[in-house]
Structure formats: structure tokens, C-alpha cells
Protein backbone atom coordinates (compact mmCIF):
# COMPACT_ATOMS: atom_id res chain seq x y z
CA UNK A 1 -20.97 29.17 -85.75
CA UNK A 2 -23.67 31.32 -84.12
CA UNK A 3 -26.09 30.44 -81.34
CA UNK A 4 -28.72 29.83 -84.04
CA UNK A 5 -26.62 27.06 -85.63
CA UNK A 6 -28.08 23.55 -85.32
CA UNK A 7 -24.80 22.24 -83.88
CA UNK A 8 -24.56 24.94 -81.22
CA UNK A 9 -24.86 23.74 -77.62
CA UNK A 10 -23.78 26.29 -75.06
CA UNK A 11 -24.07 26.21 -71.26
CA UNK A 12 -25.94 29.28 -70.02
CA UNK A 13 -27.40 30.78 -66.85
CA UNK A 14 -30.55 32.80 -66.35
CA UNK A 15 -29.07 35.98 -64.88
CA UNK A 16 -31.90 36.79 -62.47
CA UNK A 17 -32.36 33.26 -61.05
CA UNK A 18 -28.89 31.67 -61.48
CA UNK A 19 -30.56 28.59 -63.00
CA UNK A 20 -28.48 26.64 -65.49
CA UNK A 21 -29.57 25.37 -68.88
CA UNK A 22 -28.29 24.41 -72.28
CA UNK A 23 -28.70 26.84 -75.18
CA UNK A 24 -29.63 24.97 -78.36
CA UNK A 25 -30.95 25.90 -81.80
CA UNK A 26 -34.67 26.04 -82.56
CA UNK A 27 -35.16 24.53 -86.04
CA UNK A 28 -34.24 27.49 -88.26
CA UNK A 29 -36.18 29.97 -86.14
CA UNK A 30 -34.94 33.43 -85.20
CA UNK A 31 -35.28 32.30 -81.58
CA UNK A 32 -33.08 29.78 -79.82
CA UNK A 33 -33.95 27.63 -76.82
CA UNK A 34 -32.64 27.09 -73.32
CA UNK A 35 -33.45 23.48 -72.50
CA UNK A 36 -33.40 21.60 -69.20
CA UNK A 37 -34.50 24.41 -66.91
CA UNK A 38 -35.96 23.09 -63.64
CA UNK A 39 -39.71 22.48 -63.77
CA UNK A 40 -40.04 24.89 -60.83
CA UNK A 41 -37.96 27.60 -62.51
CA UNK A 42 -38.38 31.17 -61.31
CA UNK A 43 -37.36 32.53 -64.73
CA UNK A 44 -39.87 34.81 -66.44
CA UNK A 45 -40.23 36.64 -69.75
CA UNK A 46 -37.66 39.41 -70.12
CA UNK A 47 -34.99 37.72 -67.97
CA UNK A 48 -31.44 37.94 -69.35
CA UNK A 49 -29.59 34.79 -70.45
CA UNK A 50 -25.78 34.85 -70.14
CA UNK A 51 -22.98 32.44 -71.00
CA UNK A 52 -21.62 30.09 -68.39
CA UNK A 53 -18.24 28.39 -68.37
CA UNK A 54 -19.75 25.35 -66.64
CA UNK A 55 -18.90 22.51 -69.01
CA UNK A 56 -17.03 19.24 -68.98
CA UNK A 57 -16.05 19.68 -72.63
CA UNK A 58 -12.48 21.07 -72.84
CA UNK A 59 -13.10 22.17 -76.44
CA UNK A 60 -15.77 24.69 -75.41
CA UNK A 61 -14.04 28.01 -74.83
CA UNK A 62 -16.61 30.68 -74.04
CA UNK A 63 -16.09 33.24 -71.29
CA UNK A 64 -18.86 33.48 -68.72
CA UNK A 65 -21.07 36.54 -68.42
CA UNK A 66 -21.68 37.36 -72.10
CA UNK A 67 -25.29 38.36 -72.74
CA UNK A 68 -26.87 35.85 -75.12
CA UNK A 69 -30.42 37.17 -75.21
CA UNK A 70 -33.73 37.65 -73.45
CA UNK A 71 -36.49 35.18 -72.57
CA UNK A 72 -39.53 35.55 -74.85
CA UNK A 73 -41.60 32.67 -73.45
CA UNK A 74 -41.33 29.55 -71.30
CA UNK A 75 -42.98 26.18 -71.94
CA UNK A 76 -43.26 22.98 -69.92
CA UNK A 77 -41.68 19.90 -71.56
CA UNK A 78 -43.68 16.79 -70.59
CA UNK A 79 -41.08 14.42 -72.03
CA UNK A 80 -38.27 15.34 -69.64
CA UNK A 81 -40.30 17.09 -66.89
CA UNK A 82 -38.44 20.35 -67.31
CA UNK A 83 -39.08 23.74 -68.85
CA UNK A 84 -37.72 25.27 -72.04
CA UNK A 85 -37.23 29.01 -72.49
CA UNK A 86 -37.33 30.58 -75.94
CA UNK A 87 -34.67 33.26 -76.30
CA UNK A 88 -34.53 36.31 -78.54
CA UNK A 89 -30.79 36.78 -79.28
CA UNK A 90 -29.25 40.03 -78.06
CA UNK A 91 -27.63 40.44 -81.48
CA UNK A 92 -29.21 40.77 -84.92
CA UNK A 93 -27.00 38.35 -86.84
CA UNK A 94 -27.98 39.87 -90.19
CA UNK A 95 -26.24 43.13 -89.23
CA UNK A 96 -22.90 41.80 -87.97
CA UNK A 97 -19.94 43.27 -89.83
CA UNK A 98 -17.02 42.25 -87.60
CA UNK A 99 -16.40 39.32 -85.29
CA UNK A 100 -13.72 38.25 -82.87
CA UNK A 101 -12.49 34.66 -82.95
CA UNK A 102 -11.30 32.99 -79.75
CA UNK A 103 -8.54 30.45 -80.30
CA UNK A 104 -7.71 27.81 -77.74
């Protein structure tokens, strides 16, 4: 499963601001989203998004500090009074030839 998969939900941090969010898919787009950023976020376009090991789910095994991608744009979400960042993945998934699988 990649970060573009519809079932992917990964805790992340904006590297420059240390703000936490949840990386989710973006309806078959080449971008993914970081949801639930604070409405007063200091994150801006170009900021780096990295993995976080902050999770209450024992089945999620992702080391912290892996670069996920870069913020392309940020939008205000009226429904939950937060902001969503749209992320360009750091990897072109169409060019991957080898992967490493982490086993719990």
C-alpha cells in the first residue's frame, strides 16, 4: 500500500512547524492530503512533510522522520475548522523498482 492508496492513513508532521496531521489519500489524484492541521497553522507551500510514530494503533509500524513529500497548497476546511495541505509525494511511484517491507 502506498500513501496514495485510499486506505492509507499515516500520522505525519510538518518538518518546519512541528504541527501534526493525518496523511490521507486524495481521490485518485497524484497528490495526497494532510488533514486536521490547526486553523492557525504556520505551514506554507514547499514545507517538508515527514512520518511520525505518534499513533495509538499498534498495527502501524512506520519509523519517524521519513520524508513523505512537499506541501503544494493549503486550504481552509469549514466543516472541521482546520486546514488541509495538499502534498506532492517525494517519490514517483511509477518509477519504483524495489521496495523494502517492514514486518512487525
